[in-house]
């Protein structure tokens, strides 16, 4: 079942499910454009940025996915469950965790790691 918030961005509708899959649909016709297998439930709201799509799994891994094909560009262990959402204000991404930590990432740092 789908438990993550649904994200709309441009022509994409993005959601995560309890099987660990992030799915991107064409919002005009509902056809699947691509999906990513995260390995554990995805309750996290997808965040669409100029660098790609951020999502996180219940096991505590933050992923950056390519917007075109869902290819994993980066993964980062958060150390605990992510909160249900994140704050995005370019170039900053802030993610809360179940242990009360707030982790802040700068887009330039992330872009450097994906080269």
Protein backbone atom coordinates (compact mmCIF):
# COMPACT_ATOMS: atom_id res chain seq x y z
CA UNK A 1 0.00 0.00 0.00
CA UNK A 2 0.96 3.61 -0.59
CA UNK A 3 1.63 5.46 2.66
CA UNK A 4 3.98 8.21 1.60
CA UNK A 5 2.65 11.62 0.61
CA UNK A 6 2.26 11.94 -3.16
CA UNK A 7 4.46 14.53 -4.86
CA UNK A 8 3.54 16.33 -8.08
CA UNK A 9 6.32 17.92 -10.08
CA UNK A 10 6.03 18.98 -13.70
CA UNK A 11 4.61 15.98 -15.53
CA UNK A 12 5.51 13.51 -12.74
CA UNK A 13 3.49 12.02 -9.90
CA UNK A 14 5.83 10.38 -7.35
CA UNK A 15 5.05 8.10 -4.41
CA UNK A 16 6.64 5.44 -2.21
CA UNK A 17 5.10 2.25 -0.91
CA UNK A 18 5.46 -0.33 1.83
CA UNK A 19 7.33 -2.74 -0.47
CA UNK A 20 10.20 -0.25 -0.68
CA UNK A 21 9.43 0.98 -4.16
CA UNK A 22 9.43 4.59 -5.35
CA UNK A 23 7.25 4.90 -8.44
CA UNK A 24 7.04 7.79 -10.90
CA UNK A 25 3.97 8.06 -13.11
CA UNK A 26 3.18 10.34 -16.03
CA UNK A 27 0.51 12.54 -14.49
CA UNK A 28 -1.32 12.93 -17.83
CA UNK A 29 -1.89 9.26 -18.60
CA UNK A 30 -0.96 7.40 -15.39
CA UNK A 31 1.68 5.24 -17.09
CA UNK A 32 4.74 4.28 -15.09
CA UNK A 33 7.83 6.18 -16.22
CA UNK A 34 10.20 4.33 -13.88
CA UNK A 35 10.55 2.88 -10.41
CA UNK A 36 13.32 2.43 -7.87
CA UNK A 37 13.62 -0.46 -5.40
CA UNK A 38 14.72 0.95 -2.04
CA UNK A 39 14.61 -2.31 -0.09
CA UNK A 40 12.46 -1.16 2.85
CA UNK A 41 9.21 0.82 3.21
CA UNK A 42 9.13 4.35 1.83
CA UNK A 43 6.95 6.68 3.93
CA UNK A 44 9.07 9.72 3.10
CA UNK A 45 7.71 12.44 0.82
CA UNK A 46 9.77 12.74 -2.37
CA UNK A 47 11.57 16.06 -2.73
CA UNK A 48 12.22 17.13 -6.33
CA UNK A 49 15.27 19.37 -6.80
CA UNK A 50 17.55 20.49 -9.61
CA UNK A 51 19.94 17.69 -8.56
CA UNK A 52 17.29 14.94 -8.70
CA UNK A 53 14.64 13.36 -6.48
CA UNK A 54 15.36 12.80 -2.79
CA UNK A 55 13.61 10.01 -0.94
CA UNK A 56 14.34 7.90 2.13
CA UNK A 57 13.53 4.41 3.33
CA UNK A 58 12.41 3.17 6.73
CA UNK A 59 15.81 1.54 7.25
CA UNK A 60 17.27 5.06 7.41
CA UNK A 61 18.87 5.61 4.01
CA UNK A 62 18.49 8.86 2.10
CA UNK A 63 18.63 8.45 -1.69
CA UNK A 64 19.11 10.88 -4.54
CA UNK A 65 17.57 9.51 -7.74
CA UNK A 66 17.98 10.67 -11.32
CA UNK A 67 14.77 12.39 -12.43
CA UNK A 68 14.91 10.87 -15.91
CA UNK A 69 15.29 7.17 -15.12
CA UNK A 70 15.35 6.62 -11.33
CA UNK A 71 18.99 5.62 -11.31
CA UNK A 72 20.55 5.91 -7.85
CA UNK A 73 22.94 8.87 -7.84
CA UNK A 74 23.73 8.87 -4.14
CA UNK A 75 22.81 7.07 -0.93
CA UNK A 76 23.51 8.32 2.57
CA UNK A 77 22.89 6.49 5.87
CA UNK A 78 20.83 8.68 8.20
CA UNK A 79 21.46 6.39 11.18
CA UNK A 80 17.78 6.08 12.09
CA UNK A 81 14.29 6.33 10.65
CA UNK A 82 13.67 9.52 8.69
CA UNK A 83 10.75 11.72 9.67
CA UNK A 84 7.90 11.72 7.17
CA UNK A 85 9.09 14.77 5.30
CA UNK A 86 11.94 17.12 4.73
CA UNK A 87 12.43 20.83 4.18
CA UNK A 88 13.85 22.00 0.88
CA UNK A 89 14.96 25.54 0.18
CA UNK A 90 17.51 25.52 -2.61
CA UNK A 91 20.36 24.88 -2.08
CA UNK A 92 19.56 23.32 1.35
CA UNK A 93 17.84 20.03 2.29
CA UNK A 94 16.98 19.36 5.94
CA UNK A 95 15.89 15.90 7.10
CA UNK A 96 14.72 15.03 10.60
CA UNK A 97 15.20 11.56 12.09
CA UNK A 98 13.40 9.49 14.72
CA UNK A 99 16.26 10.08 17.15
CA UNK A 100 15.66 13.83 17.05
CA UNK A 101 18.62 14.70 14.83
CA UNK A 102 18.22 17.19 12.01
CA UNK A 103 20.63 16.62 9.16
CA UNK A 104 21.30 19.45 6.72
CA UNK A 105 22.75 18.93 3.25
CA UNK A 106 23.96 21.54 0.76
CA UNK A 107 23.27 20.86 -2.92
CA UNK A 108 26.84 21.70 -3.97
CA UNK A 109 28.18 19.04 -1.57
CA UNK A 110 25.73 16.50 -2.97
CA UNK A 111 26.47 17.41 -6.59
CA UNK A 112 30.20 16.91 -5.96
CA UNK A 113 29.59 13.39 -4.65
CA UNK A 114 27.52 12.38 -7.69
CA UNK A 115 30.23 13.25 -10.25
